[in-house]
Each structure stands twice: as C-alpha cells, then as structure tokens.
C-alpha cells in the first residue's frame, strides 16, 4: 500500500530488552510485530540472554513466525576457521534459509566493518567466485546500517539496503536522506534501492493522552539516548504520517521503552490507525524481507561499480 505521496511507508521495531517467553526471548513480541505487518524486527547482542548471540535467538524465532523480517546485529568480530567475511556470510545466510528469505544483517559502521561489508557483498554477489555459501531465497540478506554519524554515511550509501538515522528533526532526516541517495547514485547504485528509516525511541506509557510538550506535533524530543517520543499511539501515528508525507524518511525504526507494553500499543493503536487511514498495509506483499521493503532481488554480480573508497 502506498501513501498519498506515492511511496510505501515502512515500519520496523526493536526487540531489545524483551523478556524471555517460554525459553525463547522475543518470540511473542516478534509475533505481535508480524500481526501488525511490520517490515522487520531488530535485535542487538545486548538483548540476548548471557552467552547467546542475537542471531541464534532469532534463528529460534524464525520457525515460529511466517512473514516478519528478522534482523540481528552480527559483529564481524565473531570469527571462525574461515575468517570474518565468510563466517558472517554463512551465519546470516543460515538465518535466511531457516526463515525462508526473511533475514537481514545489521552491521557496524567502522572502517573494519565497512571493509567486511564490502567483502560479504562481493561473496554474495558471486563476483569473487569463492563463496561456499549458496545464494538464498532473496539473493542475499538485507543489509541494515546505522548512519546517524556522518563518517558512517559513505558506507551506508555504498553498501546498505536500509539506513537508520537517529534524529529528532524531520528537516535533518530529509537532508540526510537526500545526501545518502545522491551518494548512492555516485557509487553507481539506484537510489531507489535504498530505504532511509528514522530510528526513534517511543514511550507509549501515557496511553491515549496527548504527548508531552515537545514530543507531539512538533516532533520527538532529543535526549542523551537519542530522539524520544513520549505520548499516546494517536500522536505517534500523526508524527509518522507527517514525516513520511513530507518526504523526510521512507519509514521508521521504533525502539520501545518497554517492549511488551509499547509494542502492543504500537501495533494495536498506532499501526491500526495508520492502516485505517490507508497509509500502511494490512497484509504482507510477499514472503521475503526484500518483498516487504520493495527491494529487487540483487543480480548475481556485485552491483557497486562506482568509485573506490
């Protein structure tokens, strides 16, 4: 479903700090996100149980869900006998197979991580001819990168399918999006193959009450932990609709203050209202994460042919 400006609205949610449910952390929140037709959920290593990587947690969630995308943080520091790029590629590709094409990989933005992303892209694209990992249902898992800090933006423009930006200003978000799209074109990419999502903390503890001053129609409030919206589901729906209508972003990555409470209010309140207004889909358009995001399945060759880093 497209909005009046002709672009799809994309929504994702973080499952970090979700409680354990019947031995599988994040299972019920992931099912709830799927019920709301969210594009994907993310999970960082700090949200997993001690000794359990986020990727392993979402690999256990995958068989119990059917459509929602699953995007763990997978640091390239998790090495093995094949070396970092091969290990990351194999691990995320396994999740993509288990989930039947719903996996993503949230990568870091340091120089080392950027180089690893480039290596993985070449392997998944078949350019080097040395990959031992077969291509998956969606060609390669979706790459997600936080490009809030300016040094991370070249990597986002060159390598990422989805870029996250933490900002309380729609004008700043629009400027970052425009810059990323321009850079992507310079690298030989189709800018329409890049999705820019505002990453926003949400605290919906006030139920249906109006947003706190500074959180409502004027936008979220900047805090030490990043931009935060505190208020009700209706006000959040208005904020999401306004930013998307203005072309500031392609959607939102929402980070609940209290996952069980806020995700339930997000899906049952905010998302339902956006669906009622015709701004967000009521069902998934396909079976893979690329389908949800409206991204093409990549060709067998690495698509980046522009300037060297």
Protein backbone atom coordinates (compact mmCIF):
# COMPACT_ATOMS: atom_id res chain seq x y z
CA UNK A 1 0.00 0.00 0.00
CA UNK A 2 1.33 3.44 -0.92
CA UNK A 3 0.69 6.76 0.77
CA UNK A 4 -0.71 9.84 -1.00
CA UNK A 5 2.86 10.84 -1.98
CA UNK A 6 3.21 7.58 -3.91
CA UNK A 7 5.77 5.96 -1.61
CA UNK A 8 5.31 2.99 0.66
CA UNK A 9 5.57 3.59 4.39
CA UNK A 10 7.93 1.14 6.09
CA UNK A 11 7.82 0.30 9.79
CA UNK A 12 10.18 -1.76 11.92
CA UNK A 13 10.66 -2.28 15.66
CA UNK A 14 13.47 -3.19 18.05
CA UNK A 15 13.03 -6.17 20.36
CA UNK A 16 15.91 -5.26 22.64
CA UNK A 17 15.39 -5.97 26.33
CA UNK A 18 12.35 -8.13 25.62
CA UNK A 19 11.60 -10.67 28.38
CA UNK A 20 12.15 -14.38 27.94
CA UNK A 21 8.96 -16.20 26.92
CA UNK A 22 8.84 -19.97 27.34
CA UNK A 23 12.60 -20.17 26.87
CA UNK A 24 12.58 -18.17 23.59
CA UNK A 25 13.29 -14.45 24.08
CA UNK A 26 11.43 -12.13 21.75
CA UNK A 27 9.03 -14.76 20.39
CA UNK A 28 5.79 -13.11 21.45
CA UNK A 29 6.92 -9.56 20.56
CA UNK A 30 8.03 -10.81 17.12
CA UNK A 31 4.64 -12.46 16.58
CA UNK A 32 2.96 -9.21 17.61
CA UNK A 33 5.06 -7.24 15.13
CA UNK A 34 4.07 -9.75 12.45
CA UNK A 35 0.41 -9.32 13.31
CA UNK A 36 0.86 -5.61 12.59
CA UNK A 37 2.57 -6.38 9.24
CA UNK A 38 5.77 -4.58 10.28
CA UNK A 39 8.61 -4.95 7.78
CA UNK A 40 11.13 -6.32 10.26
CA UNK A 41 12.31 -6.52 13.86
CA UNK A 42 15.87 -5.97 15.07
CA UNK A 43 17.77 -7.50 17.96
CA UNK A 44 21.14 -6.47 19.36
CA UNK A 45 23.53 -8.79 21.15
CA UNK A 46 22.92 -6.98 24.43
CA UNK A 47 19.27 -8.06 24.28
CA UNK A 48 20.07 -11.75 24.06
CA UNK A 49 20.49 -13.92 27.13
CA UNK A 50 24.07 -14.17 28.51
CA UNK A 51 26.17 -16.22 26.12
CA UNK A 52 23.52 -16.20 23.38
CA UNK A 53 24.02 -14.18 20.22
CA UNK A 54 21.15 -12.22 18.74
CA UNK A 55 21.42 -14.27 15.56
CA UNK A 56 20.94 -17.52 17.50
CA UNK A 57 17.90 -16.07 19.27
CA UNK A 58 16.24 -15.00 16.02
CA UNK A 59 17.09 -18.35 14.44
CA UNK A 60 14.87 -19.90 17.10
CA UNK A 61 12.16 -17.30 16.48
CA UNK A 62 12.19 -17.91 12.71
CA UNK A 63 10.28 -21.23 12.63
CA UNK A 64 7.57 -19.77 14.88
CA UNK A 65 6.92 -16.78 12.59
CA UNK A 66 5.96 -16.61 8.93
CA UNK A 67 6.39 -13.16 7.38
CA UNK A 68 8.12 -10.57 9.59
CA UNK A 69 11.75 -9.85 8.75
CA UNK A 70 14.42 -10.82 11.29
CA UNK A 71 17.47 -8.55 11.59
CA UNK A 72 20.09 -9.39 14.24
CA UNK A 73 23.23 -7.42 14.93
CA UNK A 74 26.07 -9.67 13.77
CA UNK A 75 29.51 -8.22 14.55
CA UNK A 76 32.34 -9.27 12.27
CA UNK A 77 34.32 -9.98 15.42
CA UNK A 78 32.59 -13.39 15.58
CA UNK A 79 35.41 -15.21 13.80
CA UNK A 80 35.90 -18.86 12.94
CA UNK A 81 38.06 -21.14 10.79
CA UNK A 82 37.07 -19.46 7.53
CA UNK A 83 37.75 -15.88 8.60
CA UNK A 84 35.41 -12.98 9.32
CA UNK A 85 33.65 -12.29 5.97
CA UNK A 86 32.95 -15.97 5.33
CA UNK A 87 31.71 -16.56 8.87
CA UNK A 88 29.32 -13.60 8.87
CA UNK A 89 28.06 -14.52 5.43
CA UNK A 90 27.47 -18.14 6.38
CA UNK A 91 25.78 -17.28 9.68
CA UNK A 92 23.35 -14.76 8.22
CA UNK A 93 22.70 -16.94 5.18
CA UNK A 94 21.72 -19.77 7.53
CA UNK A 95 19.14 -17.48 9.15
CA UNK A 96 17.89 -16.52 5.69
CA UNK A 97 17.36 -20.18 4.83
CA UNK A 98 15.69 -21.01 8.15
CA UNK A 99 13.36 -18.03 7.77
CA UNK A 100 12.82 -18.65 4.04
CA UNK A 101 14.11 -15.32 2.89
CA UNK A 102 13.34 -13.02 5.82
CA UNK A 103 16.83 -12.32 7.18
CA UNK A 104 18.77 -9.11 7.44
CA UNK A 105 22.15 -8.22 8.85
CA UNK A 106 22.64 -5.12 10.98
CA UNK A 107 26.29 -4.22 10.62
CA UNK A 108 28.54 -1.70 12.33
CA UNK A 109 29.94 1.38 10.66
CA UNK A 110 33.66 1.40 11.45
CA UNK A 111 36.30 1.17 8.72
CA UNK A 112 36.79 -2.51 9.54
CA UNK A 113 33.05 -3.20 9.40
CA UNK A 114 32.78 -1.35 6.10
CA UNK A 115 35.52 -3.49 4.60
CA UNK A 116 33.81 -6.63 5.89
CA UNK A 117 30.52 -5.50 4.38
CA UNK A 118 32.25 -4.99 1.05
CA UNK A 119 33.78 -8.48 1.21
CA UNK A 120 30.44 -10.05 2.10
CA UNK A 121 28.71 -8.16 -0.71
CA UNK A 122 31.24 -9.46 -3.22
CA UNK A 123 30.82 -13.01 -1.95
CA UNK A 124 27.02 -12.87 -2.00
CA UNK A 125 27.14 -11.29 -5.43
CA UNK A 126 29.33 -14.06 -6.80
CA UNK A 127 31.92 -11.58 -8.08
CA UNK A 128 34.88 -13.32 -6.47
CA UNK A 129 33.75 -16.85 -7.36
CA UNK A 130 34.98 -18.17 -3.99
CA UNK A 131 31.85 -18.26 -1.84
CA UNK A 132 30.96 -21.63 -0.33
CA UNK A 133 27.51 -20.33 0.71
CA UNK A 134 24.71 -20.81 -1.86
CA UNK A 135 22.60 -17.76 -2.68
CA UNK A 136 19.50 -17.53 -0.58
CA UNK A 137 15.82 -17.00 -1.38
CA UNK A 138 16.27 -13.24 -1.62
CA UNK A 139 19.67 -13.30 -3.34
CA UNK A 140 21.39 -12.01 -0.23
CA UNK A 141 20.05 -10.94 3.16
CA UNK A 142 19.16 -7.28 3.59
CA UNK A 143 21.99 -5.13 4.97
CA UNK A 144 20.98 -2.58 7.65
CA UNK A 145 23.37 0.11 8.88
CA UNK A 146 23.05 2.98 11.37
CA UNK A 147 24.37 6.08 9.59
CA UNK A 148 23.47 8.68 12.20
CA UNK A 149 27.11 9.81 12.43
CA UNK A 150 28.47 11.46 9.27
CA UNK A 151 31.53 9.15 8.99
CA UNK A 152 29.18 6.18 8.60
CA UNK A 153 27.21 7.64 5.70
CA UNK A 154 29.56 6.69 2.84
CA UNK A 155 29.31 3.05 3.97
CA UNK A 156 25.54 3.39 4.17
CA UNK A 157 25.28 4.86 0.69
CA UNK A 158 27.61 2.27 -0.80
CA UNK A 159 26.64 -0.97 0.99
CA UNK A 160 23.32 -0.73 2.85
CA UNK A 161 19.82 -1.63 1.75
CA UNK A 162 18.34 0.08 4.81
CA UNK A 163 19.93 3.02 6.64
CA UNK A 164 18.86 4.06 10.13
CA UNK A 165 19.18 7.69 11.23
CA UNK A 166 18.58 8.86 14.81
CA UNK A 167 17.31 12.44 14.73
CA UNK A 168 14.54 14.48 16.33
CA UNK A 169 14.29 16.79 13.32
CA UNK A 170 12.39 15.91 10.13
CA UNK A 171 14.39 18.57 8.28
CA UNK A 172 17.66 16.92 9.29
CA UNK A 173 16.29 13.49 8.37
CA UNK A 174 15.30 14.81 4.94
CA UNK A 175 18.76 16.29 4.40
CA UNK A 176 20.49 13.05 5.38
CA UNK A 177 18.18 11.05 3.12
CA UNK A 178 18.86 13.32 0.17
CA UNK A 179 22.61 13.11 0.79
CA UNK A 180 22.57 9.33 1.01
CA UNK A 181 20.58 8.99 -2.19
CA UNK A 182 22.95 11.33 -4.02
CA UNK A 183 25.97 9.41 -2.76
CA UNK A 184 24.39 6.09 -3.72
CA UNK A 185 23.99 7.38 -7.28
CA UNK A 186 27.63 8.45 -7.34
CA UNK A 187 28.61 4.91 -6.36
CA UNK A 188 26.67 3.54 -9.31
CA UNK A 189 23.64 2.45 -7.29
CA UNK A 190 19.99 3.12 -8.00
CA UNK A 191 18.95 5.50 -5.16
CA UNK A 192 15.53 3.86 -5.16
CA UNK A 193 17.25 0.71 -3.87
CA UNK A 194 17.97 2.42 -0.55
CA UNK A 195 15.50 2.82 2.32
CA UNK A 196 16.13 5.50 4.97
CA UNK A 197 14.32 4.99 8.27
CA UNK A 198 14.24 7.33 11.25
CA UNK A 199 15.21 5.41 14.39
CA UNK A 200 13.04 6.73 17.20
CA UNK A 201 12.62 5.75 20.83
CA UNK A 202 8.98 5.51 21.88
CA UNK A 203 7.38 5.60 25.32
CA UNK A 204 3.65 4.98 24.99
CA UNK A 205 3.03 4.70 28.72
CA UNK A 206 0.63 7.65 28.63
CA UNK A 207 -1.90 5.60 26.71
CA UNK A 208 -4.29 7.77 24.72
CA UNK A 209 -3.31 11.01 26.42
CA UNK A 210 -1.71 13.81 24.45
CA UNK A 211 2.05 13.83 24.01
CA UNK A 212 4.23 15.66 26.49
CA UNK A 213 5.29 19.17 25.46
CA UNK A 214 8.00 18.86 22.82
CA UNK A 215 7.01 15.30 21.93
CA UNK A 216 3.83 15.81 19.96
CA UNK A 217 3.11 17.55 16.68
CA UNK A 218 6.45 19.39 16.74
CA UNK A 219 8.35 16.12 16.75
CA UNK A 220 10.19 13.96 19.25
CA UNK A 221 12.48 15.30 21.94
CA UNK A 222 16.26 14.98 21.74
CA UNK A 223 17.65 13.10 24.76
CA UNK A 224 21.06 11.72 25.73
CA UNK A 225 19.95 8.30 24.50
CA UNK A 226 18.64 9.63 21.21
CA UNK A 227 15.33 11.05 19.94
CA UNK A 228 12.31 10.05 22.03
CA UNK A 229 8.57 10.30 21.51
CA UNK A 230 6.57 10.14 24.73
CA UNK A 231 2.80 10.19 24.47
CA UNK A 232 -0.06 8.16 23.00
CA UNK A 233 -0.46 5.96 19.93
CA UNK A 234 -2.58 8.56 18.11
CA UNK A 235 0.05 11.28 18.42
CA UNK A 236 2.70 8.84 17.20
CA UNK A 237 0.58 7.98 14.17
CA UNK A 238 0.28 11.70 13.38
CA UNK A 239 4.04 12.16 13.69
CA UNK A 240 4.83 9.17 11.44
CA UNK A 241 2.30 10.31 8.84
CA UNK A 242 3.64 13.87 8.81
CA UNK A 243 7.31 12.92 8.42
CA UNK A 244 6.53 10.45 5.66
CA UNK A 245 4.17 12.84 3.87
CA UNK A 246 6.92 15.49 3.85
CA UNK A 247 9.36 13.03 2.30
CA UNK A 248 11.72 13.21 5.28
CA UNK A 249 12.09 9.42 5.53
CA UNK A 250 10.89 6.19 3.99
CA UNK A 251 9.67 4.96 7.35
CA UNK A 252 10.53 4.41 11.00
CA UNK A 253 12.53 2.02 13.14
CA UNK A 254 10.80 2.27 16.53
CA UNK A 255 12.59 1.38 19.77
CA UNK A 256 10.10 0.74 22.64
CA UNK A 257 11.00 1.89 26.13
CA UNK A 258 9.11 -1.13 27.49
CA UNK A 259 8.88 -3.68 24.64
CA UNK A 260 5.85 -5.69 25.74
CA UNK A 261 3.72 -2.67 26.64
CA UNK A 262 4.85 -0.27 23.94
CA UNK A 263 4.90 -2.78 21.09
CA UNK A 264 1.35 -3.83 21.91
CA UNK A 265 0.19 -0.20 21.91
CA UNK A 266 2.16 0.46 18.75
CA UNK A 267 0.53 -2.40 16.84
CA UNK A 268 -2.96 -2.16 18.27
CA UNK A 269 -3.07 1.64 18.31
CA UNK A 270 -0.61 3.44 16.02
CA UNK A 271 -0.38 0.84 13.25
CA UNK A 272 -4.11 0.18 13.24
CA UNK A 273 -4.77 3.90 12.85
CA UNK A 274 -2.26 4.21 10.00
CA UNK A 275 -3.91 1.24 8.30
CA UNK A 276 -7.34 2.79 8.77
CA UNK A 277 -6.09 5.99 7.13
CA UNK A 278 -4.77 3.99 4.18
CA UNK A 279 -1.15 4.88 4.99
CA UNK A 280 0.16 1.42 5.91
CA UNK A 281 -0.54 -2.05 4.55
CA UNK A 282 -2.82 -4.56 6.24
CA UNK A 283 -1.02 -7.61 4.84
CA UNK A 284 2.44 -8.52 3.55
CA UNK A 285 3.01 -8.07 -0.20
CA UNK A 286 5.24 -11.15 -0.43
CA UNK A 287 7.20 -13.68 1.56
CA UNK A 288 10.72 -12.22 1.79
CA UNK A 289 12.09 -9.17 3.57
CA UNK A 290 13.03 -7.69 0.21
CA UNK A 291 9.39 -8.05 -0.84
CA UNK A 292 8.28 -6.13 2.26
CA UNK A 293 10.78 -3.34 1.59
CA UNK A 294 10.05 -3.17 -2.12
CA UNK A 295 13.66 -4.03 -2.98
CA UNK A 296 14.72 -6.01 -6.01
CA UNK A 297 16.46 -9.34 -5.70
CA UNK A 298 20.10 -8.50 -6.47
CA UNK A 299 21.72 -9.81 -9.60
CA UNK A 300 24.45 -12.42 -9.39
CA UNK A 301 27.11 -9.76 -9.74
CA UNK A 302 28.02 -7.22 -7.07
CA UNK A 303 26.06 -4.09 -8.11
CA UNK A 304 28.51 -1.46 -6.88
CA UNK A 305 30.70 -0.34 -9.78
CA UNK A 306 31.46 3.27 -8.84
CA UNK A 307 34.40 4.96 -7.21
CA UNK A 308 36.85 3.22 -4.96
CA UNK A 309 36.73 4.07 -1.28
